[in-house]
């Protein structure tokens, strides 16, 4: 059974940093894309970043380029999202997901097949 469990969310001040983790189980990381997505209150879910599990190619939404970094540790079956220079508009529930391809603009499912339950990130002073 595929499982994805996010952690690392919390309250941070504007300009601060957080690192989210997505622990995965039930499948091998080597043949899929894993991505991070977010949904702010009252808004639709949006794509944030994806990484290819085979060659490590990364993709980012324009709104987070230069501030967020996605990475993976295949030995730990874990994917990370390092978030720097956080802004109040980054406040959202962040979800990780896995699928056969990554489409950051292809809502509502973005090409993802399995989803975690999310972790809340609040950026506020």
Protein backbone atom coordinates (compact mmCIF):
# COMPACT_ATOMS: atom_id res chain seq x y z
CA UNK A 1 0.00 0.00 0.00
CA UNK A 2 1.40 3.37 -1.05
CA UNK A 3 1.76 5.80 1.84
CA UNK A 4 3.05 9.37 1.92
CA UNK A 5 3.43 11.22 5.21
CA UNK A 6 4.33 14.89 5.31
CA UNK A 7 6.00 16.62 8.24
CA UNK A 8 7.85 19.81 9.06
CA UNK A 9 5.08 22.36 8.80
CA UNK A 10 4.55 25.08 11.37
CA UNK A 11 4.45 28.77 12.06
CA UNK A 12 7.28 30.90 10.72
CA UNK A 13 7.84 34.63 10.36
CA UNK A 14 8.09 36.27 6.95
CA UNK A 15 11.60 35.84 5.59
CA UNK A 16 12.10 32.65 7.56
CA UNK A 17 12.72 29.07 6.44
CA UNK A 18 11.18 25.65 6.85
CA UNK A 19 12.02 22.22 5.52
CA UNK A 20 9.19 19.86 4.75
CA UNK A 21 9.69 16.12 4.55
CA UNK A 22 7.65 13.50 2.74
CA UNK A 23 8.28 9.93 3.90
CA UNK A 24 7.11 7.37 1.39
CA UNK A 25 6.50 3.64 1.54
CA UNK A 26 4.86 0.91 -0.43
CA UNK A 27 6.67 1.49 -3.73
CA UNK A 28 10.11 2.15 -5.18
CA UNK A 29 11.13 5.76 -5.76
CA UNK A 30 13.08 5.04 -8.90
CA UNK A 31 10.31 5.20 -11.53
CA UNK A 32 8.01 8.06 -10.54
CA UNK A 33 7.73 11.79 -10.07
CA UNK A 34 7.17 13.13 -6.59
CA UNK A 35 5.81 16.57 -6.10
CA UNK A 36 4.76 19.17 -3.60
CA UNK A 37 1.48 20.97 -3.92
CA UNK A 38 -0.30 23.47 -1.74
CA UNK A 39 -3.77 24.76 -1.05
CA UNK A 40 -4.39 28.06 0.64
CA UNK A 41 -7.68 28.79 2.42
CA UNK A 42 -10.37 29.53 -0.11
CA UNK A 43 -8.13 28.80 -3.07
CA UNK A 44 -7.58 25.92 -5.44
CA UNK A 45 -4.71 23.52 -5.01
CA UNK A 46 -1.63 24.56 -6.96
CA UNK A 47 1.57 22.88 -8.03
CA UNK A 48 4.76 23.92 -6.26
CA UNK A 49 7.57 21.61 -7.32
CA UNK A 50 8.32 18.14 -8.67
CA UNK A 51 11.35 15.92 -8.90
CA UNK A 52 11.99 12.95 -11.13
CA UNK A 53 12.88 9.92 -9.08
CA UNK A 54 15.03 8.43 -11.85
CA UNK A 55 17.32 11.31 -12.86
CA UNK A 56 16.58 14.02 -10.32
CA UNK A 57 15.32 16.65 -12.78
CA UNK A 58 13.36 19.31 -10.91
CA UNK A 59 10.49 21.60 -11.78
CA UNK A 60 9.23 24.67 -9.96
CA UNK A 61 6.28 26.99 -10.12
CA UNK A 62 7.30 30.56 -10.99
CA UNK A 63 6.03 31.76 -7.62
CA UNK A 64 8.66 29.73 -5.72
CA UNK A 65 11.64 29.67 -8.09
CA UNK A 66 14.80 30.78 -6.36
CA UNK A 67 13.25 30.35 -2.90
CA UNK A 68 12.25 26.69 -2.69
CA UNK A 69 14.40 23.63 -3.37
CA UNK A 70 13.15 20.09 -3.80
CA UNK A 71 15.45 17.16 -3.17
CA UNK A 72 15.26 13.46 -2.58
CA UNK A 73 17.03 10.80 -0.56
CA UNK A 74 16.32 7.49 -2.24
CA UNK A 75 18.00 5.52 0.55
CA UNK A 76 15.51 6.98 3.02
CA UNK A 77 12.57 7.02 0.60
CA UNK A 78 12.08 10.65 1.51
CA UNK A 79 11.58 13.83 -0.46
CA UNK A 80 12.24 17.28 0.98
CA UNK A 81 11.11 20.80 0.24
CA UNK A 82 13.45 23.47 1.56
CA UNK A 83 11.55 26.73 1.73
CA UNK A 84 13.48 29.98 2.20
CA UNK A 85 12.47 33.63 2.17
CA UNK A 86 8.94 32.65 3.07
CA UNK A 87 6.12 35.10 2.40
CA UNK A 88 2.64 35.35 3.91
CA UNK A 89 1.24 34.21 0.56
CA UNK A 90 3.08 30.89 1.01
CA UNK A 91 0.65 30.06 3.82
CA UNK A 92 -1.15 26.86 2.87
CA UNK A 93 -1.52 23.17 3.53
CA UNK A 94 1.34 21.48 1.70
CA UNK A 95 0.82 18.03 0.23
CA UNK A 96 3.24 15.61 -1.31
CA UNK A 97 2.13 13.26 -4.03
CA UNK A 98 3.48 10.66 -6.41
CA UNK A 99 2.56 9.90 -9.98
CA UNK A 100 3.66 8.79 -13.40
CA UNK A 101 4.36 12.33 -14.58
CA UNK A 102 4.50 15.83 -13.16
CA UNK A 103 2.22 18.55 -14.40
CA UNK A 104 2.44 21.55 -12.11
CA UNK A 105 -0.19 23.37 -14.15
CA UNK A 106 -2.51 20.43 -14.76
CA UNK A 107 -4.99 20.80 -11.96
CA UNK A 108 -6.78 19.26 -10.23
CA UNK A 109 -4.62 16.13 -10.04
CA UNK A 110 -1.39 17.35 -11.67
CA UNK A 111 -0.62 13.84 -12.93
CA UNK A 112 -0.37 12.50 -9.40
CA UNK A 113 -1.90 9.21 -8.30
CA UNK A 114 -1.30 9.08 -4.55
CA UNK A 115 -1.46 11.90 -2.02
CA UNK A 116 -0.45 12.50 1.56
CA UNK A 117 -2.71 14.18 4.09
CA UNK A 118 -0.78 17.42 4.18
CA UNK A 119 1.09 19.63 6.63
CA UNK A 120 0.14 23.21 7.46
CA UNK A 121 2.59 26.04 6.85
CA UNK A 122 1.69 29.43 8.28
CA UNK A 123 3.82 32.46 7.48
CA UNK A 124 2.91 35.31 9.77
CA UNK A 125 4.45 37.85 12.09
